[in-house]
Structure formats: C-alpha cells, structure tokens
C-alpha cells in the first residue's frame, strides 16, 4: 500500500499494524525497483514535470 502512495497511517489502520516499524520491515526495496524509479524521475526531469 505504501508503494501505491497510500499514507502510512491509513495503511497501518487497514492492515492492523500498530507500529510503523512493522510497515518498514515489510517495505523491502530492490535494486530493480530503485533503478526503475530513477529512470522515471529522469524522464520527468527531461520533460520538465
């Protein structure tokens, strides 16, 4: 949910997590995802968005 830009507080209430550390524990990132996000950011910068 956090990756879908749902605010952390709402994601916690939906998933019944009481502590933000649980959200952080399961929000595992990968090198592929970071590279894709970087490409997206670079394209947005090139187009002026």
PDB file of N, CA and C in Angstrom:
ATOM      1  N   UNK A   1       0.813  -1.188   0.000  1.00  0.00           N
ATOM      2  CA  UNK A   1       0.000   0.000   0.000  1.00  0.00           C
ATOM      3  C   UNK A   1       0.861   1.258   0.000  1.00  0.00           C
ATOM      4  N   UNK A   2       1.942   1.226   0.736  1.00  0.00           N
ATOM      5  CA  UNK A   2       2.813   2.396   0.806  1.00  0.00           C
ATOM      6  C   UNK A   2       3.391   2.683  -0.571  1.00  0.00           C
ATOM      7  N   UNK A   3       3.723   1.642  -1.316  1.00  0.00           N
ATOM      8  CA  UNK A   3       4.243   1.835  -2.672  1.00  0.00           C
ATOM      9  C   UNK A   3       3.188   2.399  -3.606  1.00  0.00           C
ATOM     10  N   UNK A   4       1.925   2.203  -3.271  1.00  0.00           N
ATOM     11  CA  UNK A   4       0.830   2.756  -4.066  1.00  0.00           C
ATOM     12  C   UNK A   4       0.468   4.157  -3.589  1.00  0.00           C
ATOM     13  N   UNK A   5       1.332   4.747  -2.761  1.00  0.00           N
ATOM     14  CA  UNK A   5       1.196   6.114  -2.254  1.00  0.00           C
ATOM     15  C   UNK A   5       0.031   6.283  -1.280  1.00  0.00           C
ATOM     16  N   UNK A   6      -0.368   5.193  -0.634  1.00  0.00           N
ATOM     17  CA  UNK A   6      -1.342   5.291   0.453  1.00  0.00           C
ATOM     18  C   UNK A   6      -0.580   5.804   1.666  1.00  0.00           C
ATOM     19  N   UNK A   7      -1.085   6.826   2.341  1.00  0.00           N
ATOM     20  CA  UNK A   7      -0.387   7.327   3.527  1.00  0.00           C
ATOM     21  C   UNK A   7      -0.154   6.206   4.550  1.00  0.00           C
ATOM     22  N   UNK A   8       1.001   6.256   5.184  1.00  0.00           N
ATOM     23  CA  UNK A   8       1.394   5.199   6.109  1.00  0.00           C
ATOM     24  C   UNK A   8       0.365   4.990   7.211  1.00  0.00           C
ATOM     25  N   UNK A   9      -0.209   6.055   7.725  1.00  0.00           N
ATOM     26  CA  UNK A   9      -1.193   5.919   8.806  1.00  0.00           C
ATOM     27  C   UNK A   9      -2.435   5.155   8.345  1.00  0.00           C
ATOM     28  N   UNK A  10      -2.852   5.381   7.119  1.00  0.00           N
ATOM     29  CA  UNK A  10      -4.020   4.668   6.590  1.00  0.00           C
ATOM     30  C   UNK A  10      -3.662   3.215   6.317  1.00  0.00           C
ATOM     31  N   UNK A  11      -2.479   2.974   5.753  1.00  0.00           N
ATOM     32  CA  UNK A  11      -2.037   1.599   5.513  1.00  0.00           C
ATOM     33  C   UNK A  11      -1.967   0.823   6.823  1.00  0.00           C
ATOM     34  N   UNK A  12      -1.502   1.489   7.886  1.00  0.00           N
ATOM     35  CA  UNK A  12      -1.420   0.825   9.191  1.00  0.00           C
ATOM     36  C   UNK A  12      -2.813   0.489   9.715  1.00  0.00           C
ATOM     37  N   UNK A  13      -3.772   1.380   9.522  1.00  0.00           N
ATOM     38  CA  UNK A  13      -5.119   1.096  10.024  1.00  0.00           C
ATOM     39  C   UNK A  13      -5.789  -0.018   9.235  1.00  0.00           C
ATOM     40  N   UNK A  14      -5.539  -0.085   7.935  1.00  0.00           N
ATOM     41  CA  UNK A  14      -6.124  -1.142   7.112  1.00  0.00           C
ATOM     42  C   UNK A  14      -5.515  -2.504   7.450  1.00  0.00           C
ATOM     43  N   UNK A  15      -4.202  -2.522   7.642  1.00  0.00           N
ATOM     44  CA  UNK A  15      -3.503  -3.786   7.890  1.00  0.00           C
ATOM     45  C   UNK A  15      -3.453  -4.168   9.361  1.00  0.00           C
ATOM     46  N   UNK A  16      -3.980  -3.317  10.223  1.00  0.00           N
ATOM     47  CA  UNK A  16      -3.987  -3.537  11.678  1.00  0.00           C
ATOM     48  C   UNK A  16      -2.604  -3.514  12.306  1.00  0.00           C
ATOM     49  N   UNK A  17      -1.632  -2.916  11.622  1.00  0.00           N
ATOM     50  CA  UNK A  17      -0.309  -2.757  12.215  1.00  0.00           C
ATOM     51  C   UNK A  17      -0.364  -1.597  13.193  1.00  0.00           C
ATOM     52  N   UNK A  18       0.185  -1.799  14.369  1.00  0.00           N
ATOM     53  CA  UNK A  18       0.155  -0.762  15.400  1.00  0.00           C
ATOM     54  C   UNK A  18       1.440   0.030  15.477  1.00  0.00           C
ATOM     55  N   UNK A  19       2.466  -0.457  14.810  1.00  0.00           N
ATOM     56  CA  UNK A  19       3.774   0.158  14.933  1.00  0.00           C
ATOM     57  C   UNK A  19       4.353   0.409  13.541  1.00  0.00           C
ATOM     58  N   UNK A  20       4.863   1.605  13.250  1.00  0.00           N
ATOM     59  CA  UNK A  20       5.437   1.883  11.932  1.00  0.00           C
ATOM     60  C   UNK A  20       6.626   0.983  11.574  1.00  0.00           C
ATOM     61  N   UNK A  21       7.284   0.420  12.563  1.00  0.00           N
ATOM     62  CA  UNK A  21       8.429  -0.446  12.259  1.00  0.00           C
ATOM     63  C   UNK A  21       7.989  -1.707  11.518  1.00  0.00           C
ATOM     64  N   UNK A  22       6.758  -2.135  11.730  1.00  0.00           N
ATOM     65  CA  UNK A  22       6.249  -3.307  11.007  1.00  0.00           C
ATOM     66  C   UNK A  22       6.094  -2.960   9.526  1.00  0.00           C
ATOM     67  N   UNK A  23       5.560  -1.784   9.248  1.00  0.00           N
ATOM     68  CA  UNK A  23       5.433  -1.335   7.855  1.00  0.00           C
ATOM     69  C   UNK A  23       6.825  -1.269   7.222  1.00  0.00           C
ATOM     70  N   UNK A  24       7.772  -0.691   7.920  1.00  0.00           N
ATOM     71  CA  UNK A  24       9.133  -0.563   7.395  1.00  0.00           C
ATOM     72  C   UNK A  24       9.765  -1.933   7.157  1.00  0.00           C
ATOM     73  N   UNK A  25       9.489  -2.882   8.029  1.00  0.00           N
ATOM     74  CA  UNK A  25      10.069  -4.218   7.897  1.00  0.00           C
ATOM     75  C   UNK A  25       9.641  -4.891   6.604  1.00  0.00           C
ATOM     76  N   UNK A  26       8.390  -4.709   6.230  1.00  0.00           N
ATOM     77  CA  UNK A  26       7.871  -5.370   5.036  1.00  0.00           C
ATOM     78  C   UNK A  26       7.971  -4.522   3.780  1.00  0.00           C
ATOM     79  N   UNK A  27       8.421  -3.296   3.906  1.00  0.00           N
ATOM     80  CA  UNK A  27       8.595  -2.433   2.742  1.00  0.00           C
ATOM     81  C   UNK A  27      10.011  -2.623   2.190  1.00  0.00           C
ATOM     82  N   UNK A  28      10.276  -3.821   1.721  1.00  0.00           N
ATOM     83  CA  UNK A  28      11.601  -4.196   1.229  1.00  0.00           C
ATOM     84  C   UNK A  28      11.758  -3.682  -0.199  1.00  0.00           C
ATOM     85  N   UNK A  29      12.862  -3.013  -0.437  1.00  0.00           N
ATOM     86  CA  UNK A  29      13.115  -2.440  -1.745  1.00  0.00           C
ATOM     87  C   UNK A  29      14.122  -3.309  -2.486  1.00  0.00           C
ATOM     88  N   UNK A  30      14.115  -3.212  -3.804  1.00  0.00           N
ATOM     89  CA  UNK A  30      15.070  -3.967  -4.600  1.00  0.00           C
ATOM     90  C   UNK A  30      15.822  -3.019  -5.519  1.00  0.00           C
ATOM     91  N   UNK A  31      16.951  -3.470  -5.989  1.00  0.00           N
ATOM     92  CA  UNK A  31      17.757  -2.656  -6.898  1.00  0.00           C
ATOM     93  C   UNK A  31      16.987  -2.391  -8.188  1.00  0.00           C
ATOM     94  N   UNK A  32      16.217  -3.363  -8.656  1.00  0.00           N
ATOM     95  CA  UNK A  32      15.435  -3.184  -9.878  1.00  0.00           C
ATOM     96  C   UNK A  32      14.385  -2.088  -9.701  1.00  0.00           C
ATOM     97  N   UNK A  33      13.721  -2.085  -8.560  1.00  0.00           N
ATOM     98  CA  UNK A  33      12.702  -1.068  -8.304  1.00  0.00           C
ATOM     99  C   UNK A  33      13.335   0.312  -8.210  1.00  0.00           C
ATOM    100  N   UNK A  34      14.475   0.415  -7.543  1.00  0.00           N
ATOM    101  CA  UNK A  34      15.157   1.707  -7.437  1.00  0.00           C
ATOM    102  C   UNK A  34      15.596   2.207  -8.806  1.00  0.00           C
ATOM    103  N   UNK A  35      16.099   1.306  -9.649  1.00  0.00           N
ATOM    104  CA  UNK A  35      16.527   1.699 -10.992  1.00  0.00           C
ATOM    105  C   UNK A  35      15.336   2.183 -11.824  1.00  0.00           C
ATOM    106  N   UNK A  36      14.205   1.511 -11.702  1.00  0.00           N
ATOM    107  CA  UNK A  36      13.008   1.922 -12.437  1.00  0.00           C
ATOM    108  C   UNK A  36      12.525   3.290 -11.964  1.00  0.00           C
ATOM    109  N   UNK A  37      12.566   3.527 -10.669  1.00  0.00           N
ATOM    110  CA  UNK A  37      12.155   4.820 -10.138  1.00  0.00           C
ATOM    111  C   UNK A  37      13.099   5.928 -10.590  1.00  0.00           C
ATOM    112  N   UNK A  38      14.378   5.627 -10.652  1.00  0.00           N
ATOM    113  CA  UNK A  38      15.350   6.610 -11.112  1.00  0.00           C
ATOM    114  C   UNK A  38      15.099   6.965 -12.579  1.00  0.00           C
ATOM    115  N   UNK A  39      14.827   5.964 -13.407  1.00  0.00           N
ATOM    116  CA  UNK A  39      14.518   6.227 -14.817  1.00  0.00           C
ATOM    117  C   UNK A  39      13.273   7.098 -14.947  1.00  0.00           C
ATOM    118  N   UNK A  40      12.258   6.812 -14.139  1.00  0.00           N
ATOM    119  CA  UNK A  40      11.033   7.603 -14.162  1.00  0.00           C
ATOM    120  C   UNK A  40      11.319   9.048 -13.783  1.00  0.00           C
ATOM    121  N   UNK A  41      12.129   9.231 -12.757  1.00  0.00           N
ATOM    122  CA  UNK A  41      12.469  10.579 -12.310  1.00  0.00           C
ATOM    123  C   UNK A  41      13.272  11.318 -13.377  1.00  0.00           C
ATOM    124  N   UNK A  42      14.191  10.626 -14.019  1.00  0.00           N
ATOM    125  CA  UNK A  42      14.998  11.260 -15.066  1.00  0.00           C
ATOM    126  C   UNK A  42      14.122  11.697 -16.234  1.00  0.00           C
ATOM    127  N   UNK A  43      13.162  10.857 -16.630  1.00  0.00           N
ATOM    128  CA  UNK A  43      12.258  11.220 -17.725  1.00  0.00           C
ATOM    129  C   UNK A  43      11.411  12.435 -17.354  1.00  0.00           C
ATOM    130  N   UNK A  44      10.943  12.472 -16.116  1.00  0.00           N
ATOM    131  CA  UNK A  44      10.137  13.605 -15.673  1.00  0.00           C
ATOM    132  C   UNK A  44      10.961  14.889 -15.675  1.00  0.00           C
ATOM    133  N   UNK A  45      12.227  14.785 -15.306  1.00  0.00           N
ATOM    134  CA  UNK A  45      13.111  15.947 -15.294  1.00  0.00           C
ATOM    135  C   UNK A  45      13.367  16.428 -16.717  1.00  0.00           C
ATOM    136  N   UNK A  46      13.539  15.501 -17.642  1.00  0.00           N
ATOM    137  CA  UNK A  46      13.781  15.853 -19.045  1.00  0.00           C
ATOM    138  C   UNK A  46      12.580  16.550 -19.665  1.00  0.00           C
ATOM    139  N   UNK A  47      11.380  16.140 -19.272  1.00  0.00           N
ATOM    140  CA  UNK A  47      10.167  16.718 -19.858  1.00  0.00           C
ATOM    141  C   UNK A  47       9.680  17.932 -19.084  1.00  0.00           C
ATOM    142  N   UNK A  48      10.362  18.250 -17.984  1.00  0.00           N
ATOM    143  CA  UNK A  48      10.000  19.420 -17.210  1.00  0.00           C
ATOM    144  C   UNK A  48       8.858  19.213 -16.249  1.00  0.00           C
ATOM    145  N   UNK A  49       8.551  17.976 -15.899  1.00  0.00           N
ATOM    146  CA  UNK A  49       7.451  17.714 -14.968  1.00  0.00           C
ATOM    147  C   UNK A  49       7.958  17.572 -13.577  1.00  0.00           C
TER     148      UNK A  49
END
